[in-house]
Protein backbone atom coordinates (compact mmCIF):
# COMPACT_ATOMS: atom_id res chain seq x y z
CA MET A 1 16.48 -38.45 -11.02
CA LEU A 2 18.44 -36.06 -13.09
CA ARG A 3 15.41 -35.34 -15.05
CA THR A 4 13.48 -34.68 -12.17
CA CYS A 5 15.82 -32.22 -10.97
CA ARG A 6 16.25 -30.65 -14.48
CA VAL A 7 12.24 -30.00 -14.46
CA ALA A 8 12.32 -28.72 -10.95
CA LEU A 9 15.03 -26.24 -11.82
CA LEU A 10 13.06 -25.07 -14.94
CA HIS A 11 9.84 -24.53 -12.58
CA GLY A 12 12.03 -22.26 -10.09
CA SER A 13 9.88 -23.59 -7.26
CA ALA A 14 10.02 -24.68 -3.54
CA ALA A 15 10.36 -28.29 -5.26
CA THR A 16 13.51 -27.44 -6.47
CA ARG A 17 15.29 -26.29 -3.15
CA TYR A 18 13.30 -29.72 -1.76
CA LEU A 19 15.09 -32.15 -4.20
CA LEU A 20 18.73 -30.48 -4.16
CA ALA A 21 18.40 -30.56 -0.45
CA ASN A 22 17.63 -34.19 -0.33
CA LEU A 23 19.44 -35.91 -3.63
CA ASP A 24 20.46 -39.05 -1.35
CA ASN A 25 17.32 -39.26 0.06
CA ARG A 26 15.13 -41.25 -1.98
CA GLU A 27 11.80 -41.04 -0.03
CA ALA A 28 12.18 -37.30 0.12
CA CYS A 29 13.02 -37.36 -3.92
CA GLU A 30 9.99 -39.07 -4.63
CA ARG A 31 7.80 -36.33 -2.52
CA GLY A 32 9.37 -33.92 -4.09
CA ARG A 33 8.49 -35.54 -7.52
CA ARG A 34 4.98 -35.67 -6.15
CA ILE A 35 5.22 -31.96 -5.63
CA LEU A 36 6.12 -31.13 -9.10
CA ARG A 37 3.48 -33.35 -10.44
CA THR A 38 0.75 -31.54 -8.59
CA ALA A 39 2.44 -28.18 -9.56
CA ARG A 40 2.19 -29.19 -13.38
CA ARG A 41 -1.46 -30.00 -13.07
CA SER A 42 -2.23 -27.07 -11.27
CA MET A 43 -0.59 -24.93 -14.07
CA ARG A 44 -2.39 -26.75 -16.83
CA THR A 45 -5.77 -26.06 -14.91
CA ILE A 46 -5.14 -22.26 -14.41
CA GLU A 47 -3.96 -22.38 -18.25
CA ARG A 48 -7.03 -23.66 -19.59
CA LEU A 49 -9.51 -21.66 -17.37
CA GLN A 50 -7.66 -18.52 -18.32
CA SER A 51 -7.79 -19.39 -22.29
CA THR A 52 -11.37 -20.12 -22.08
CA GLY A 53 -12.28 -17.19 -19.83
CA ASP A 54 -13.91 -19.48 -17.45
CA LEU A 55 -14.31 -16.92 -14.35
CA GLU A 56 -16.81 -19.05 -12.43
CA GLY A 57 -13.79 -21.59 -12.56
CA LEU A 58 -11.20 -19.39 -11.63
CA ALA A 59 -13.38 -18.50 -8.70
CA ARG A 60 -13.94 -21.70 -7.36
CA LEU A 61 -10.24 -22.44 -7.68
CA VAL A 62 -10.07 -19.25 -5.04
CA ARG A 63 -12.03 -21.32 -2.55
CA GLU A 64 -11.31 -24.82 -3.02
CA GLY A 65 -7.82 -25.03 -4.98
CA THR A 66 -4.53 -25.64 -3.41
CA ALA A 67 -2.54 -22.74 -2.24
CA HIS A 68 -0.47 -21.96 -5.62
CA GLU A 69 -4.01 -22.39 -7.38
CA ARG A 70 -6.02 -20.24 -4.96
CA LEU A 71 -3.25 -17.32 -5.30
CA THR A 72 -2.83 -17.66 -9.35
CA ALA A 73 -6.55 -17.76 -9.95
CA ALA A 74 -7.43 -14.43 -7.80
CA TRP A 75 -4.31 -12.53 -9.30
CA GLU A 76 -5.97 -14.03 -12.77
CA LEU A 77 -9.59 -12.66 -11.74
CA GLY A 78 -7.81 -9.49 -10.44
CA LYS A 79 -6.85 -8.71 -14.18
CA ARG A 80 -10.35 -9.52 -15.57
CA GLY A 81 -12.13 -5.86 -14.61
CA GLU A 82 -15.53 -5.44 -13.04
CA GLN A 83 -16.21 -9.11 -13.95
CA GLY A 84 -13.54 -10.33 -11.83
CA VAL A 85 -14.28 -7.93 -9.09
CA ARG A 86 -17.77 -9.26 -8.96
CA HIS A 87 -16.33 -12.90 -8.68
CA LEU A 88 -13.65 -11.92 -5.93
CA VAL A 89 -16.15 -9.78 -3.69
CA PRO A 90 -18.41 -12.59 -2.63
CA ILE A 91 -15.07 -14.72 -1.69
CA LEU A 92 -13.80 -11.87 0.54
CA GLN A 93 -17.22 -11.31 2.08
CA GLU A 94 -18.03 -15.08 2.87
CA GLY A 95 -14.58 -16.93 2.69
CA GLN A 96 -12.56 -18.28 5.53
CA GLY A 97 -8.88 -17.63 6.20
CA GLU A 98 -6.61 -17.82 3.23
CA GLU A 99 -9.55 -17.50 0.75
CA THR A 100 -10.41 -14.16 2.16
CA TRP A 101 -6.73 -12.96 1.52
CA GLU A 102 -6.14 -14.21 -1.61
CA ALA A 103 -9.53 -12.63 -2.88
CA ALA A 104 -7.93 -9.24 -1.19
CA MET A 105 -5.10 -9.88 -3.20
CA GLY A 106 -6.92 -10.28 -6.43
CA LEU A 107 -9.06 -7.25 -5.92
CA SER A 108 -5.89 -5.10 -5.19
CA ARG A 109 -4.89 -6.09 -8.47
CA ALA A 110 -7.98 -4.72 -10.02
CA GLY A 111 -7.23 -1.28 -8.97
CA SER A 112 -9.74 1.49 -8.65
CA LEU A 113 -12.56 -0.77 -9.86
CA ALA A 114 -12.36 -2.58 -6.59
CA VAL A 115 -12.46 0.52 -4.45
CA GLU A 116 -16.07 0.94 -3.77
CA PRO A 117 -16.75 -2.25 -2.96
CA LEU A 118 -13.63 -2.71 -0.77
CA ILE A 119 -14.89 0.23 1.32
CA GLU A 120 -18.04 -1.68 1.60
CA ALA A 121 -16.57 -4.61 2.74
CA LEU A 122 -14.80 -2.61 5.36
CA ALA A 123 -17.71 -0.90 6.79
CA THR A 124 -20.09 -4.08 6.83
CA GLY A 125 -17.80 -7.34 6.67
CA LYS A 126 -16.94 -9.82 9.11
CA PRO A 127 -13.77 -8.99 11.19
CA GLU A 128 -11.30 -10.66 8.79
CA THR A 129 -13.03 -9.25 5.97
CA ARG A 130 -12.67 -6.04 7.14
CA THR A 131 -8.84 -6.17 7.86
CA ALA A 132 -8.27 -7.51 4.40
CA ALA A 133 -10.10 -5.07 3.07
CA ALA A 134 -8.31 -2.44 4.79
CA TRP A 135 -4.94 -3.81 3.71
CA ALA A 136 -6.51 -4.03 -0.27
CA LEU A 137 -7.14 -0.48 0.08
CA GLU A 138 -4.04 0.62 1.02
CA GLU A 139 -2.31 -1.61 -1.35
CA ILE A 140 -4.66 0.24 -4.62
CA GLY A 141 -3.63 3.78 -2.73
CA ASP A 142 -6.77 5.46 -4.24
CA GLU A 143 -7.74 8.53 -1.90
CA ARG A 144 -11.24 7.61 -1.72
CA ALA A 145 -10.01 5.12 1.01
CA VAL A 146 -8.70 7.46 3.29
CA GLU A 147 -12.06 8.50 5.13
CA ALA A 148 -13.35 4.89 5.11
CA LEU A 149 -9.93 4.15 6.94
CA ILE A 150 -10.35 6.80 9.25
CA GLN A 151 -13.89 5.59 10.29
CA ALA A 152 -12.26 1.87 10.76
CA LEU A 153 -9.90 3.38 13.45
CA SER A 154 -12.96 2.94 15.59
CA ASP A 155 -13.76 -0.70 14.58
CA THR A 156 -14.69 -2.92 17.60
CA ASP A 157 -11.81 -5.74 16.32
CA THR A 158 -8.38 -4.98 17.65
CA PHE A 159 -6.58 -6.12 14.60
CA CYS A 160 -8.67 -4.33 11.86
CA ARG A 161 -8.38 -1.04 13.75
CA TRP A 162 -4.56 -1.70 14.13
CA THR A 163 -4.53 -2.35 10.31
CA ALA A 164 -6.38 0.60 9.44
CA ALA A 165 -3.79 2.66 11.22
CA ALA A 166 -0.89 1.15 9.78
CA CYS A 167 -2.48 1.44 6.33
CA LEU A 168 -3.23 5.33 7.01
CA LEU A 169 0.29 5.83 7.77
CA ARG A 170 1.58 4.15 4.92
CA LEU A 171 -0.72 6.08 2.70
CA GLY A 172 0.63 9.15 3.97
CA ARG A 173 -2.14 11.91 3.43
CA ASP A 174 -1.98 14.53 6.38
CA ASP A 175 -5.52 14.09 7.50
CA GLY A 176 -5.09 10.01 7.51
CA ARG A 177 -1.87 10.30 9.42
CA GLN A 178 -3.13 12.64 12.04
CA ALA A 179 -6.13 10.36 12.71
CA ALA A 180 -4.10 7.42 12.96
CA GLU A 181 -1.72 9.23 15.49
CA GLU A 182 -4.29 10.21 17.59
CA VAL A 183 -5.53 6.74 18.00
CA LEU A 184 -1.90 5.61 18.46
CA GLN A 185 -1.65 7.88 21.43
CA LYS A 186 -4.34 6.03 23.11
CA GLU A 187 -2.99 2.66 22.49
CA SER A 188 -0.35 0.29 24.55
CA GLU A 189 2.94 0.57 23.77
CA GLU A 190 2.67 -2.95 22.85
CA ALA A 191 0.15 -2.24 20.25
CA ARG A 192 1.97 0.81 19.06
CA GLY A 193 5.06 -1.43 18.17
CA TYR A 194 2.81 -3.97 16.55
CA ILE A 195 1.25 -0.80 14.03
CA GLY A 196 4.54 0.31 13.61
CA ILE A 197 5.49 -2.97 12.21
CA LEU A 198 2.73 -3.19 9.94
CA ALA A 199 3.02 0.51 8.58
CA GLU A 200 6.73 -0.48 7.75
CA GLY A 201 6.07 -4.01 6.12
CA SER A 202 2.12 -4.45 5.49
């Protein structure tokens, strides 16, 4: 048990807190050990894919891995330049739920290389793709995104429209801010409050 706790502390993970909170609960401690074993396997898998440059394998993890694997693999692909972007864009366009958002996070790490594919996704993707693309464009902060985000203020999907408004407010360019504020005037008080929350913490 002490050895397991020391390993948990070294990993600095949620499993650490879980184990320490349940030192006297044998079943809970065993569950914590299983979490740690899974985390170690995930780390070894990702390290192997990184060392061999297996981008297809990393892309598979974004689609099919555990939550930790998906995010770490997407982040790693984002570091791999144009090749990484080419693997992430289909996941952004075709993925479901967390896959879409993890692809967006990876693309945000790719920086300027991802701006044009994200602009296209914002214009042509399904609603969740458009929303995630807007978020990633704001994270990158490239001025090329402003016009695309202004266009997204007319999106038929409410959450995408609100996200675009929040992103423009955060980017702070005069034309984008003015367009977002014009949209805010047409929204309900509840919507304005929600957009404000997104703008403060998106």
